[in-house]
PDB file of N, CA and C in Angstrom:
ATOM      1  N   GLY A   1      -8.289   1.309 -28.631  1.00  0.00           N
ATOM      2  CA  GLY A   1      -9.308   0.854 -27.728  1.00  0.00           C
ATOM      3  C   GLY A   1     -10.276  -0.136 -28.348  1.00  0.00           C
ATOM      4  N   LYS A   2     -10.686   0.122 -29.596  1.00  0.00           N
ATOM      5  CA  LYS A   2     -11.680  -0.746 -30.238  1.00  0.00           C
ATOM      6  C   LYS A   2     -11.142  -2.163 -30.437  1.00  0.00           C
ATOM      7  N   ASP A   3      -9.887  -2.292 -30.837  1.00  0.00           N
ATOM      8  CA  ASP A   3      -9.284  -3.619 -31.014  1.00  0.00           C
ATOM      9  C   ASP A   3      -9.214  -4.364 -29.686  1.00  0.00           C
ATOM     10  N   PHE A   4      -8.972  -3.624 -28.641  1.00  0.00           N
ATOM     11  CA  PHE A   4      -8.890  -4.218 -27.313  1.00  0.00           C
ATOM     12  C   PHE A   4     -10.239  -4.784 -26.887  1.00  0.00           C
ATOM     13  N   VAL A   5     -11.318  -4.109 -27.262  1.00  0.00           N
ATOM     14  CA  VAL A   5     -12.668  -4.591 -26.954  1.00  0.00           C
ATOM     15  C   VAL A   5     -12.898  -5.933 -27.636  1.00  0.00           C
ATOM     16  N   GLN A   6     -12.502  -6.051 -28.894  1.00  0.00           N
ATOM     17  CA  GLN A   6     -12.665  -7.309 -29.627  1.00  0.00           C
ATOM     18  C   GLN A   6     -11.835  -8.425 -28.992  1.00  0.00           C
ATOM     19  N   PHE A   7     -10.623  -8.094 -28.570  1.00  0.00           N
ATOM     20  CA  PHE A   7      -9.765  -9.066 -27.893  1.00  0.00           C
ATOM     21  C   PHE A   7     -10.440  -9.566 -26.612  1.00  0.00           C
ATOM     22  N   ALA A   8     -10.973  -8.657 -25.817  1.00  0.00           N
ATOM     23  CA  ALA A   8     -11.632  -9.041 -24.564  1.00  0.00           C
ATOM     24  C   ALA A   8     -12.867  -9.892 -24.822  1.00  0.00           C
ATOM     25  N   LYS A   9     -13.621  -9.555 -25.858  1.00  0.00           N
ATOM     26  CA  LYS A   9     -14.800 -10.364 -26.194  1.00  0.00           C
ATOM     27  C   LYS A   9     -14.383 -11.782 -26.564  1.00  0.00           C
ATOM     28  N   ALA A  10     -13.326 -11.908 -27.362  1.00  0.00           N
ATOM     29  CA  ALA A  10     -12.846 -13.230 -27.768  1.00  0.00           C
ATOM     30  C   ALA A  10     -12.385 -14.035 -26.552  1.00  0.00           C
ATOM     31  N   VAL A  11     -11.669 -13.393 -25.645  1.00  0.00           N
ATOM     32  CA  VAL A  11     -11.224 -14.072 -24.426  1.00  0.00           C
ATOM     33  C   VAL A  11     -12.435 -14.499 -23.603  1.00  0.00           C
ATOM     34  N   GLY A  12     -13.409 -13.615 -23.464  1.00  0.00           N
ATOM     35  CA  GLY A  12     -14.597 -13.917 -22.673  1.00  0.00           C
ATOM     36  C   GLY A  12     -15.398 -15.083 -23.205  1.00  0.00           C
ATOM     37  N   VAL A  13     -15.491 -15.175 -24.529  1.00  0.00           N
ATOM     38  CA  VAL A  13     -16.260 -16.257 -25.148  1.00  0.00           C
ATOM     39  C   VAL A  13     -15.498 -17.575 -25.095  1.00  0.00           C
ATOM     40  N   SER A  14     -14.227 -17.540 -25.477  1.00  0.00           N
ATOM     41  CA  SER A  14     -13.478 -18.789 -25.601  1.00  0.00           C
ATOM     42  C   SER A  14     -12.797 -19.241 -24.306  1.00  0.00           C
ATOM     43  N   HIS A  15     -12.520 -18.316 -23.399  1.00  0.00           N
ATOM     44  CA  HIS A  15     -11.810 -18.658 -22.161  1.00  0.00           C
ATOM     45  C   HIS A  15     -12.375 -17.852 -20.986  1.00  0.00           C
ATOM     46  N   PRO A  16     -13.580 -18.167 -20.540  1.00  0.00           N
ATOM     47  CA  PRO A  16     -14.198 -17.390 -19.460  1.00  0.00           C
ATOM     48  C   PRO A  16     -13.397 -17.388 -18.160  1.00  0.00           C
ATOM     49  N   GLY A  17     -12.597 -18.406 -17.927  1.00  0.00           N
ATOM     50  CA  GLY A  17     -11.763 -18.432 -16.728  1.00  0.00           C
ATOM     51  C   GLY A  17     -10.717 -17.335 -16.744  1.00  0.00           C
ATOM     52  N   ILE A  18     -10.157 -17.065 -17.922  1.00  0.00           N
ATOM     53  CA  ILE A  18      -9.184 -15.983 -18.066  1.00  0.00           C
ATOM     54  C   ILE A  18      -9.891 -14.644 -17.923  1.00  0.00           C
ATOM     55  N   ASP A  19     -11.059 -14.516 -18.523  1.00  0.00           N
ATOM     56  CA  ASP A  19     -11.847 -13.283 -18.463  1.00  0.00           C
ATOM     57  C   ASP A  19     -12.078 -12.857 -17.015  1.00  0.00           C
ATOM     58  N   LYS A  20     -12.284 -13.819 -16.135  1.00  0.00           N
ATOM     59  CA  LYS A  20     -12.564 -13.529 -14.723  1.00  0.00           C
ATOM     60  C   LYS A  20     -11.336 -13.067 -13.944  1.00  0.00           C
ATOM     61  N   LYS A  21     -10.146 -13.265 -14.499  1.00  0.00           N
ATOM     62  CA  LYS A  21      -8.917 -12.949 -13.772  1.00  0.00           C
ATOM     63  C   LYS A  21      -8.329 -11.584 -14.104  1.00  0.00           C
ATOM     64  N   VAL A  22      -8.807 -10.949 -15.171  1.00  0.00           N
ATOM     65  CA  VAL A  22      -8.234  -9.676 -15.611  1.00  0.00           C
ATOM     66  C   VAL A  22      -9.234  -8.554 -15.319  1.00  0.00           C
ATOM     67  N   CYS A  23      -8.754  -7.454 -14.785  1.00  0.00           N
ATOM     68  CA  CYS A  23      -9.577  -6.292 -14.417  1.00  0.00           C
ATOM     69  C   CYS A  23     -10.664  -6.665 -13.415  1.00  0.00           C
ATOM     70  N   SER A  24     -10.352  -7.603 -12.552  1.00  0.00           N
ATOM     71  CA  SER A  24     -11.339  -8.042 -11.569  1.00  0.00           C
ATOM     72  C   SER A  24     -10.926  -7.719 -10.137  1.00  0.00           C
ATOM     73  N   GLY A  25      -9.817  -7.028  -9.987  1.00  0.00           N
ATOM     74  CA  GLY A  25      -9.293  -6.790  -8.652  1.00  0.00           C
ATOM     75  C   GLY A  25      -9.478  -5.379  -8.138  1.00  0.00           C
ATOM     76  N   SER A  26      -8.755  -5.088  -7.067  1.00  0.00           N
ATOM     77  CA  SER A  26      -8.839  -3.770  -6.440  1.00  0.00           C
ATOM     78  C   SER A  26      -7.466  -3.105  -6.304  1.00  0.00           C
ATOM     79  N   HIS A  27      -6.428  -3.716  -6.865  1.00  0.00           N
ATOM     80  CA  HIS A  27      -5.068  -3.203  -6.675  1.00  0.00           C
ATOM     81  C   HIS A  27      -4.835  -1.836  -7.300  1.00  0.00           C
ATOM     82  N   ALA A  28      -5.666  -1.404  -8.253  1.00  0.00           N
ATOM     83  CA  ALA A  28      -5.468  -0.114  -8.919  1.00  0.00           C
ATOM     84  C   ALA A  28      -6.555   0.894  -8.547  1.00  0.00           C
ATOM     85  N   LYS A  29      -7.189   0.704  -7.413  1.00  0.00           N
ATOM     86  CA  LYS A  29      -8.302   1.562  -7.001  1.00  0.00           C
ATOM     87  C   LYS A  29      -7.879   3.012  -6.810  1.00  0.00           C
ATOM     88  N   GLY A  30      -6.632   3.233  -6.467  1.00  0.00           N
ATOM     89  CA  GLY A  30      -6.164   4.600  -6.249  1.00  0.00           C
ATOM     90  C   GLY A  30      -6.899   5.251  -5.096  1.00  0.00           C
ATOM     91  N   GLY A  31      -7.283   6.489  -5.271  1.00  0.00           N
ATOM     92  CA  GLY A  31      -7.966   7.223  -4.208  1.00  0.00           C
ATOM     93  C   GLY A  31      -9.467   7.244  -4.342  1.00  0.00           C
ATOM     94  N   ALA A  32     -10.030   6.329  -5.119  1.00  0.00           N
ATOM     95  CA  ALA A  32     -11.486   6.309  -5.298  1.00  0.00           C
ATOM     96  C   ALA A  32     -12.176   6.194  -3.944  1.00  0.00           C
ATOM     97  N   ASP A  33     -13.174   7.050  -3.721  1.00  0.00           N
ATOM     98  CA  ASP A  33     -13.863   7.006  -2.438  1.00  0.00           C
ATOM     99  C   ASP A  33     -15.360   6.741  -2.574  1.00  0.00           C
ATOM    100  N   ASN A  34     -15.775   6.249  -3.745  1.00  0.00           N
ATOM    101  CA  ASN A  34     -17.193   5.936  -3.935  1.00  0.00           C
ATOM    102  C   ASN A  34     -17.444   4.434  -3.901  1.00  0.00           C
ATOM    103  N   THR A  35     -16.534   3.666  -3.312  1.00  0.00           N
ATOM    104  CA  THR A  35     -16.601   2.201  -3.225  1.00  0.00           C
ATOM    105  C   THR A  35     -17.109   1.577  -4.523  1.00  0.00           C
ATOM    106  N   PRO A  36     -16.339   1.728  -5.616  1.00  0.00           N
ATOM    107  CA  PRO A  36     -16.788   1.252  -6.932  1.00  0.00           C
ATOM    108  C   PRO A  36     -17.072  -0.246  -6.973  1.00  0.00           C
ATOM    109  N   GLU A  37     -18.212  -0.576  -7.563  1.00  0.00           N
ATOM    110  CA  GLU A  37     -18.655  -1.960  -7.695  1.00  0.00           C
ATOM    111  C   GLU A  37     -18.739  -2.420  -9.139  1.00  0.00           C
ATOM    112  N   LYS A  38     -18.703  -1.458 -10.086  1.00  0.00           N
ATOM    113  CA  LYS A  38     -18.829  -1.830 -11.498  1.00  0.00           C
ATOM    114  C   LYS A  38     -18.102  -0.806 -12.352  1.00  0.00           C
ATOM    115  N   TYR A  39     -17.949  -1.171 -13.627  1.00  0.00           N
ATOM    116  CA  TYR A  39     -17.270  -0.284 -14.562  1.00  0.00           C
ATOM    117  C   TYR A  39     -18.277   0.591 -15.286  1.00  0.00           C
ATOM    118  N   GLY A  40     -17.909   1.852 -15.513  1.00  0.00           N
ATOM    119  CA  GLY A  40     -18.789   2.767 -16.220  1.00  0.00           C
ATOM    120  C   GLY A  40     -18.070   4.040 -16.594  1.00  0.00           C
ATOM    121  N   VAL A  41     -18.771   4.909 -17.313  1.00  0.00           N
ATOM    122  CA  VAL A  41     -18.203   6.193 -17.720  1.00  0.00           C
ATOM    123  C   VAL A  41     -18.866   7.364 -17.007  1.00  0.00           C
ATOM    124  N   ALA A  42     -20.048   7.153 -16.432  1.00  0.00           N
ATOM    125  CA  ALA A  42     -20.771   8.217 -15.730  1.00  0.00           C
ATOM    126  C   ALA A  42     -20.381   8.186 -14.254  1.00  0.00           C
ATOM    127  N   LEU A  43     -19.201   8.671 -13.963  1.00  0.00           N
ATOM    128  CA  LEU A  43     -18.670   8.596 -12.607  1.00  0.00           C
ATOM    129  C   LEU A  43     -19.257   9.698 -11.728  1.00  0.00           C
ATOM    130  N   SER A  44     -19.673   9.330 -10.521  1.00  0.00           N
ATOM    131  CA  SER A  44     -20.170  10.289  -9.540  1.00  0.00           C
ATOM    132  C   SER A  44     -20.123   9.637  -8.167  1.00  0.00           C
ATOM    133  N   SER A  45     -20.375  10.410  -7.135  1.00  0.00           N
ATOM    134  CA  SER A  45     -20.276   9.876  -5.775  1.00  0.00           C
ATOM    135  C   SER A  45     -21.298   8.784  -5.513  1.00  0.00           C
ATOM    136  N   GLY A  46     -22.476   8.866  -6.096  1.00  0.00           N
ATOM    137  CA  GLY A  46     -23.503   7.872  -5.848  1.00  0.00           C
ATOM    138  C   GLY A  46     -23.542   6.730  -6.833  1.00  0.00           C
ATOM    139  N   ALA A  47     -22.806   6.825  -7.927  1.00  0.00           N
ATOM    140  CA  ALA A  47     -22.906   5.837  -9.004  1.00  0.00           C
ATOM    141  C   ALA A  47     -22.183   4.528  -8.701  1.00  0.00           C
ATOM    142  N   LYS A  48     -21.162   4.574  -7.867  1.00  0.00           N
ATOM    143  CA  LYS A  48     -20.358   3.385  -7.555  1.00  0.00           C
ATOM    144  C   LYS A  48     -19.723   2.769  -8.800  1.00  0.00           C
ATOM    145  N   ASP A  49     -19.373   3.613  -9.766  1.00  0.00           N
ATOM    146  CA  ASP A  49     -18.707   3.195 -10.998  1.00  0.00           C
ATOM    147  C   ASP A  49     -17.252   3.643 -10.962  1.00  0.00           C
ATOM    148  N   THR A  50     -16.425   2.949 -11.732  1.00  0.00           N
ATOM    149  CA  THR A  50     -15.045   3.349 -11.944  1.00  0.00           C
ATOM    150  C   THR A  50     -14.697   3.100 -13.405  1.00  0.00           C
ATOM    151  N   ALA A  51     -13.740   3.846 -13.915  1.00  0.00           N
ATOM    152  CA  ALA A  51     -13.227   3.628 -15.262  1.00  0.00           C
ATOM    153  C   ALA A  51     -11.764   3.210 -15.182  1.00  0.00           C
ATOM    154  N   GLN A  52     -11.429   2.524 -14.099  1.00  0.00           N
ATOM    155  CA  GLN A  52     -10.067   2.063 -13.860  1.00  0.00           C
ATOM    156  C   GLN A  52     -10.048   0.543 -13.743  1.00  0.00           C
ATOM    157  N   CYS A  53      -9.286  -0.118 -14.626  1.00  0.00           N
ATOM    158  CA  CYS A  53      -9.121  -1.573 -14.553  1.00  0.00           C
ATOM    159  C   CYS A  53      -8.611  -1.959 -13.171  1.00  0.00           C
ATOM    160  N   SER A  54      -9.223  -2.984 -12.585  1.00  0.00           N
ATOM    161  CA  SER A  54      -8.889  -3.442 -11.232  1.00  0.00           C
ATOM    162  C   SER A  54      -8.961  -2.310 -10.216  1.00  0.00           C
ATOM    163  N   GLY A  55      -9.934  -1.425 -10.421  1.00  0.00           N
ATOM    164  CA  GLY A  55     -10.168  -0.323  -9.498  1.00  0.00           C
ATOM    165  C   GLY A  55     -11.432  -0.519  -8.684  1.00  0.00           C
ATOM    166  N   LEU A  56     -11.811  -1.763  -8.484  1.00  0.00           N
ATOM    167  CA  LEU A  56     -13.040  -2.083  -7.761  1.00  0.00           C
ATOM    168  C   LEU A  56     -12.821  -2.043  -6.253  1.00  0.00           C
ATOM    169  N   HIS A  57     -13.879  -1.741  -5.523  1.00  0.00           N
ATOM    170  CA  HIS A  57     -13.798  -1.710  -4.057  1.00  0.00           C
ATOM    171  C   HIS A  57     -13.473  -3.098  -3.517  1.00  0.00           C
ATOM    172  N   GLU A  58     -14.168  -4.087  -4.006  1.00  0.00           N
ATOM    173  CA  GLU A  58     -13.902  -5.473  -3.636  1.00  0.00           C
ATOM    174  C   GLU A  58     -13.599  -6.247  -4.905  1.00  0.00           C
ATOM    175  N   GLY A  59     -12.522  -6.985  -4.899  1.00  0.00           N
ATOM    176  CA  GLY A  59     -12.111  -7.722  -6.084  1.00  0.00           C
ATOM    177  C   GLY A  59     -12.995  -8.907  -6.411  1.00  0.00           C
ATOM    178  N   LYS A  60     -12.812  -9.415  -7.608  1.00  0.00           N
ATOM    179  CA  LYS A  60     -13.436 -10.645  -8.115  1.00  0.00           C
ATOM    180  C   LYS A  60     -14.940 -10.542  -8.352  1.00  0.00           C
ATOM    181  N   THR A  61     -15.462  -9.321  -8.525  1.00  0.00           N
ATOM    182  CA  THR A  61     -16.889  -9.173  -8.798  1.00  0.00           C
ATOM    183  C   THR A  61     -17.175  -8.882 -10.265  1.00  0.00           C
ATOM    184  N   LYS A  62     -16.178  -8.394 -10.996  1.00  0.00           N
ATOM    185  CA  LYS A  62     -16.334  -8.087 -12.424  1.00  0.00           C
ATOM    186  C   LYS A  62     -15.194  -8.743 -13.183  1.00  0.00           C
ATOM    187  N   LYS A  63     -15.235  -8.634 -14.519  1.00  0.00           N
ATOM    188  CA  LYS A  63     -14.229  -9.304 -15.335  1.00  0.00           C
ATOM    189  C   LYS A  63     -13.762  -8.403 -16.470  1.00  0.00           C
ATOM    190  N   PHE A  64     -12.784  -8.906 -17.226  1.00  0.00           N
ATOM    191  CA  PHE A  64     -12.148  -8.175 -18.315  1.00  0.00           C
ATOM    192  C   PHE A  64     -13.165  -7.642 -19.318  1.00  0.00           C
ATOM    193  N   SER A  65     -14.077  -8.493 -19.766  1.00  0.00           N
ATOM    194  CA  SER A  65     -15.064  -8.054 -20.754  1.00  0.00           C
ATOM    195  C   SER A  65     -15.994  -6.986 -20.175  1.00  0.00           C
ATOM    196  N   ASP A  66     -16.306  -7.049 -18.877  1.00  0.00           N
ATOM    197  CA  ASP A  66     -17.104  -5.989 -18.242  1.00  0.00           C
ATOM    198  C   ASP A  66     -16.350  -4.666 -18.298  1.00  0.00           C
ATOM    199  N   PHE A  67     -15.054  -4.718 -18.041  1.00  0.00           N
ATOM    200  CA  PHE A  67     -14.224  -3.516 -18.078  1.00  0.00           C
ATOM    201  C   PHE A  67     -14.219  -2.895 -19.467  1.00  0.00           C
ATOM    202  N   THR A  68     -13.890  -3.683 -20.499  1.00  0.00           N
ATOM    203  CA  THR A  68     -13.753  -3.105 -21.839  1.00  0.00           C
ATOM    204  C   THR A  68     -15.072  -2.555 -22.364  1.00  0.00           C
ATOM    205  N   GLU A  69     -16.181  -3.197 -22.028  1.00  0.00           N
ATOM    206  CA  GLU A  69     -17.489  -2.707 -22.467  1.00  0.00           C
ATOM    207  C   GLU A  69     -17.959  -1.527 -21.622  1.00  0.00           C
ATOM    208  N   GLY A  70     -17.661  -1.548 -20.334  1.00  0.00           N
ATOM    209  CA  GLY A  70     -18.213  -0.558 -19.418  1.00  0.00           C
ATOM    210  C   GLY A  70     -17.564   0.802 -19.419  1.00  0.00           C
ATOM    211  N   VAL A  71     -16.274   0.887 -19.745  1.00  0.00           N
ATOM    212  CA  VAL A  71     -15.569   2.168 -19.613  1.00  0.00           C
ATOM    213  C   VAL A  71     -15.455   2.947 -20.917  1.00  0.00           C
ATOM    214  N   GLY A  72     -16.096   2.476 -21.964  1.00  0.00           N
ATOM    215  CA  GLY A  72     -16.121   3.230 -23.213  1.00  0.00           C
ATOM    216  C   GLY A  72     -14.939   3.020 -24.132  1.00  0.00           C
ATOM    217  N   LEU A  73     -14.241   1.895 -24.005  1.00  0.00           N
ATOM    218  CA  LEU A  73     -13.094   1.660 -24.890  1.00  0.00           C
ATOM    219  C   LEU A  73     -13.510   1.633 -26.355  1.00  0.00           C
ATOM    220  N   GLN A  74     -14.725   1.143 -26.648  1.00  0.00           N
ATOM    221  CA  GLN A  74     -15.180   1.096 -28.035  1.00  0.00           C
ATOM    222  C   GLN A  74     -15.302   2.503 -28.626  1.00  0.00           C
ATOM    223  N   ASP A  75     -15.431   3.512 -27.766  1.00  0.00           N
ATOM    224  CA  ASP A  75     -15.491   4.911 -28.196  1.00  0.00           C
ATOM    225  C   ASP A  75     -14.174   5.629 -27.927  1.00  0.00           C
ATOM    226  N   ASN A  76     -13.115   4.857 -27.749  1.00  0.00           N
ATOM    227  CA  ASN A  76     -11.770   5.382 -27.477  1.00  0.00           C
ATOM    228  C   ASN A  76     -11.712   6.243 -26.218  1.00  0.00           C
ATOM    229  N   LYS A  77     -12.465   5.851 -25.188  1.00  0.00           N
ATOM    230  CA  LYS A  77     -12.423   6.547 -23.902  1.00  0.00           C
ATOM    231  C   LYS A  77     -11.667   5.685 -22.892  1.00  0.00           C
ATOM    232  N   ASN A  78     -11.034   6.357 -21.949  1.00  0.00           N
ATOM    233  CA  ASN A  78     -10.386   5.701 -20.804  1.00  0.00           C
ATOM    234  C   ASN A  78      -9.289   4.709 -21.173  1.00  0.00           C
ATOM    235  N   TRP A  79      -8.608   4.935 -22.279  1.00  0.00           N
ATOM    236  CA  TRP A  79      -7.451   4.116 -22.638  1.00  0.00           C
ATOM    237  C   TRP A  79      -6.373   5.010 -23.197  1.00  0.00           C
ATOM    238  N   PRO A  80      -5.168   4.900 -22.756  1.00  0.00           N
ATOM    239  CA  PRO A  80      -4.603   3.930 -21.817  1.00  0.00           C
ATOM    240  C   PRO A  80      -4.737   4.340 -20.344  1.00  0.00           C
ATOM    241  N   THR A  81      -5.270   5.535 -20.090  1.00  0.00           N
ATOM    242  CA  THR A  81      -5.386   6.017 -18.714  1.00  0.00           C
ATOM    243  C   THR A  81      -6.833   5.977 -18.246  1.00  0.00           C
ATOM    244  N   GLY A  82      -7.056   5.452 -17.065  1.00  0.00           N
ATOM    245  CA  GLY A  82      -8.396   5.374 -16.500  1.00  0.00           C
ATOM    246  C   GLY A  82      -8.708   6.557 -15.605  1.00  0.00           C
ATOM    247  N   SER A  83      -9.889   6.519 -15.000  1.00  0.00           N
ATOM    248  CA  SER A  83     -10.299   7.571 -14.081  1.00  0.00           C
ATOM    249  C   SER A  83     -11.226   6.989 -13.021  1.00  0.00           C
ATOM    250  N   TYR A  84     -11.404   7.742 -11.949  1.00  0.00           N
ATOM    251  CA  TYR A  84     -12.257   7.307 -10.847  1.00  0.00           C
ATOM    252  C   TYR A  84     -12.810   8.539 -10.139  1.00  0.00           C
ATOM    253  N   TRP A  85     -13.777   8.329  -9.265  1.00  0.00           N
ATOM    254  CA  TRP A  85     -14.393   9.417  -8.519  1.00  0.00           C
ATOM    255  C   TRP A  85     -13.668   9.607  -7.189  1.00  0.00           C
ATOM    256  N   LYS A  86     -13.322  10.860  -6.892  1.00  0.00           N
ATOM    257  CA  LYS A  86     -12.712  11.169  -5.597  1.00  0.00           C
ATOM    258  C   LYS A  86     -13.316  12.463  -5.060  1.00  0.00           C
ATOM    259  N   SER A  87     -13.923  12.369  -3.913  1.00  0.00           N
ATOM    260  CA  SER A  87     -14.535  13.501  -3.210  1.00  0.00           C
ATOM    261  C   SER A  87     -15.631  14.169  -4.028  1.00  0.00           C
ATOM    262  N   THR A  88     -15.270  15.137  -4.856  1.00  0.00           N
ATOM    263  CA  THR A  88     -16.280  15.892  -5.603  1.00  0.00           C
ATOM    264  C   THR A  88     -16.012  15.947  -7.099  1.00  0.00           C
ATOM    265  N   ALA A  89     -15.088  15.134  -7.592  1.00  0.00           N
ATOM    266  CA  ALA A  89     -14.724  15.246  -9.005  1.00  0.00           C
ATOM    267  C   ALA A  89     -14.167  13.937  -9.556  1.00  0.00           C
ATOM    268  N   ILE A  90     -14.166  13.855 -10.871  1.00  0.00           N
ATOM    269  CA  ILE A  90     -13.525  12.740 -11.566  1.00  0.00           C
ATOM    270  C   ILE A  90     -12.028  13.021 -11.606  1.00  0.00           C
ATOM    271  N   VAL A  91     -11.240  12.028 -11.241  1.00  0.00           N
ATOM    272  CA  VAL A  91      -9.788  12.161 -11.212  1.00  0.00           C
ATOM    273  C   VAL A  91      -9.192  11.160 -12.192  1.00  0.00           C
ATOM    274  N   SER A  92      -8.265  11.616 -13.021  1.00  0.00           N
ATOM    275  CA  SER A  92      -7.549  10.700 -13.909  1.00  0.00           C
ATOM    276  C   SER A  92      -6.517   9.937 -13.101  1.00  0.00           C
ATOM    277  N   GLY A  93      -6.375   8.662 -13.427  1.00  0.00           N
ATOM    278  CA  GLY A  93      -5.352   7.860 -12.779  1.00  0.00           C
ATOM    279  C   GLY A  93      -3.977   8.269 -13.273  1.00  0.00           C
ATOM    280  N   PRO A  94      -2.943   7.641 -12.748  1.00  0.00           N
ATOM    281  CA  PRO A  94      -1.594   7.908 -13.257  1.00  0.00           C
ATOM    282  C   PRO A  94      -1.527   7.601 -14.759  1.00  0.00           C
ATOM    283  N   GLN A  95      -0.598   8.232 -15.446  1.00  0.00           N
ATOM    284  CA  GLN A  95      -0.461   8.008 -16.887  1.00  0.00           C
ATOM    285  C   GLN A  95      -0.403   6.509 -17.182  1.00  0.00           C
ATOM    286  N   ASN A  96      -1.187   6.080 -18.169  1.00  0.00           N
ATOM    287  CA  ASN A  96      -1.254   4.681 -18.609  1.00  0.00           C
ATOM    288  C   ASN A  96      -1.772   3.731 -17.527  1.00  0.00           C
ATOM    289  N   SER A  97      -2.579   4.228 -16.608  1.00  0.00           N
ATOM    290  CA  SER A  97      -3.027   3.404 -15.475  1.00  0.00           C
ATOM    291  C   SER A  97      -3.833   2.182 -15.899  1.00  0.00           C
ATOM    292  N   ASN A  98      -4.682   2.302 -16.907  1.00  0.00           N
ATOM    293  CA  ASN A  98      -5.440   1.128 -17.352  1.00  0.00           C
ATOM    294  C   ASN A  98      -4.535   0.125 -18.059  1.00  0.00           C
ATOM    295  N   ALA A  99      -3.654   0.613 -18.907  1.00  0.00           N
ATOM    296  CA  ALA A  99      -2.727  -0.287 -19.602  1.00  0.00           C
ATOM    297  C   ALA A  99      -1.837  -1.017 -18.595  1.00  0.00           C
ATOM    298  N   THR A 100      -1.373  -0.301 -17.591  1.00  0.00           N
ATOM    299  CA  THR A 100      -0.530  -0.897 -16.561  1.00  0.00           C
ATOM    300  C   THR A 100      -1.295  -1.944 -15.756  1.00  0.00           C
ATOM    301  N   ALA A 101      -2.543  -1.648 -15.390  1.00  0.00           N
ATOM    302  CA  ALA A 101      -3.342  -2.591 -14.599  1.00  0.00           C
ATOM    303  C   ALA A 101      -3.660  -3.852 -15.395  1.00  0.00           C
ATOM    304  N   VAL A 102      -3.985  -3.705 -16.685  1.00  0.00           N
ATOM    305  CA  VAL A 102      -4.246  -4.881 -17.526  1.00  0.00           C
ATOM    306  C   VAL A 102      -2.985  -5.737 -17.608  1.00  0.00           C
ATOM    307  N   ALA A 103      -1.848  -5.097 -17.871  1.00  0.00           N
ATOM    308  CA  ALA A 103      -0.589  -5.837 -17.975  1.00  0.00           C
ATOM    309  C   ALA A 103      -0.263  -6.552 -16.665  1.00  0.00           C
ATOM    310  N   LYS A 104      -0.455  -5.877 -15.546  1.00  0.00           N
ATOM    311  CA  LYS A 104      -0.181  -6.492 -14.242  1.00  0.00           C
ATOM    312  C   LYS A 104      -1.060  -7.718 -14.036  1.00  0.00           C
ATOM    313  N   ASP A 105      -2.346  -7.598 -14.360  1.00  0.00           N
ATOM    314  CA  ASP A 105      -3.248  -8.741 -14.197  1.00  0.00           C
ATOM    315  C   ASP A 105      -2.853  -9.895 -15.115  1.00  0.00           C
ATOM    316  N   LEU A 106      -2.487  -9.597 -16.353  1.00  0.00           N
ATOM    317  CA  LEU A 106      -2.083 -10.653 -17.286  1.00  0.00           C
ATOM    318  C   LEU A 106      -0.839 -11.389 -16.786  1.00  0.00           C
ATOM    319  N   VAL A 107       0.093 -10.652 -16.219  1.00  0.00           N
ATOM    320  CA  VAL A 107       1.347 -11.250 -15.753  1.00  0.00           C
ATOM    321  C   VAL A 107       1.172 -11.969 -14.415  1.00  0.00           C
ATOM    322  N   GLN A 108       0.459 -11.358 -13.481  1.00  0.00           N
ATOM    323  CA  GLN A 108       0.407 -11.899 -12.122  1.00  0.00           C
ATOM    324  C   GLN A 108      -0.755 -12.850 -11.860  1.00  0.00           C
ATOM    325  N   GLU A 109      -1.837 -12.725 -12.581  1.00  0.00           N
ATOM    326  CA  GLU A 109      -3.027 -13.524 -12.271  1.00  0.00           C
ATOM    327  C   GLU A 109      -3.168 -14.790 -13.116  1.00  0.00           C
ATOM    328  N   LEU A 110      -2.531 -14.821 -14.284  1.00  0.00           N
ATOM    329  CA  LEU A 110      -2.697 -15.965 -15.179  1.00  0.00           C
ATOM    330  C   LEU A 110      -1.636 -17.033 -14.946  1.00  0.00           C
ATOM    331  N   THR A 111      -2.030 -18.271 -15.178  1.00  0.00           N
ATOM    332  CA  THR A 111      -1.080 -19.382 -15.131  1.00  0.00           C
ATOM    333  C   THR A 111      -0.208 -19.324 -16.386  1.00  0.00           C
ATOM    334  N   PRO A 112       0.911 -20.044 -16.408  1.00  0.00           N
ATOM    335  CA  PRO A 112       1.726 -20.078 -17.625  1.00  0.00           C
ATOM    336  C   PRO A 112       0.928 -20.546 -18.849  1.00  0.00           C
ATOM    337  N   GLU A 113       0.047 -21.507 -18.664  1.00  0.00           N
ATOM    338  CA  GLU A 113      -0.767 -22.004 -19.781  1.00  0.00           C
ATOM    339  C   GLU A 113      -1.721 -20.924 -20.288  1.00  0.00           C
ATOM    340  N   GLU A 114      -2.326 -20.179 -19.359  1.00  0.00           N
ATOM    341  CA  GLU A 114      -3.246 -19.107 -19.749  1.00  0.00           C
ATOM    342  C   GLU A 114      -2.507 -17.977 -20.457  1.00  0.00           C
ATOM    343  N   LYS A 115      -1.288 -17.690 -20.024  1.00  0.00           N
ATOM    344  CA  LYS A 115      -0.483 -16.664 -20.693  1.00  0.00           C
ATOM    345  C   LYS A 115      -0.209 -17.061 -22.138  1.00  0.00           C
ATOM    346  N   THR A 116       0.051 -18.332 -22.379  1.00  0.00           N
ATOM    347  CA  THR A 116       0.273 -18.822 -23.743  1.00  0.00           C
ATOM    348  C   THR A 116      -0.982 -18.637 -24.581  1.00  0.00           C
ATOM    349  N   ILE A 117      -2.131 -18.880 -24.010  1.00  0.00           N
ATOM    350  CA  ILE A 117      -3.399 -18.728 -24.737  1.00  0.00           C
ATOM    351  C   ILE A 117      -3.608 -17.286 -25.177  1.00  0.00           C
ATOM    352  N   VAL A 118      -3.396 -16.318 -24.288  1.00  0.00           N
ATOM    353  CA  VAL A 118      -3.645 -14.924 -24.653  1.00  0.00           C
ATOM    354  C   VAL A 118      -2.547 -14.339 -25.528  1.00  0.00           C
ATOM    355  N   ALA A 119      -1.371 -14.974 -25.517  1.00  0.00           N
ATOM    356  CA  ALA A 119      -0.285 -14.491 -26.373  1.00  0.00           C
ATOM    357  C   ALA A 119      -0.628 -14.798 -27.809  1.00  0.00           C
TER     358      ALA A 119
END
């Protein structure tokens, strides 16, 4: 997780356009019912936080660096599996849900040139 945080910081500083395309969507929201707007570790019904990459209620409001800093990756939390709030409890996503969502965003959201940059 810690190495991933450094990678995201480097992408955010040197290529902000790429940073905006990863972990910025809603395709991995799962069953979250707190309409998540930001990334965090203190998940609750009123917090509107999620610890799932691309688990936002509305896409394109956050970015890759927000995800890696917000969900506790530097403390080895929420990797490779994320979590979200559902009804009355925190629910873990499917196995490797964060790793899968990051990979999906890297493959589907980036141009061929951007993929070369992150490789």
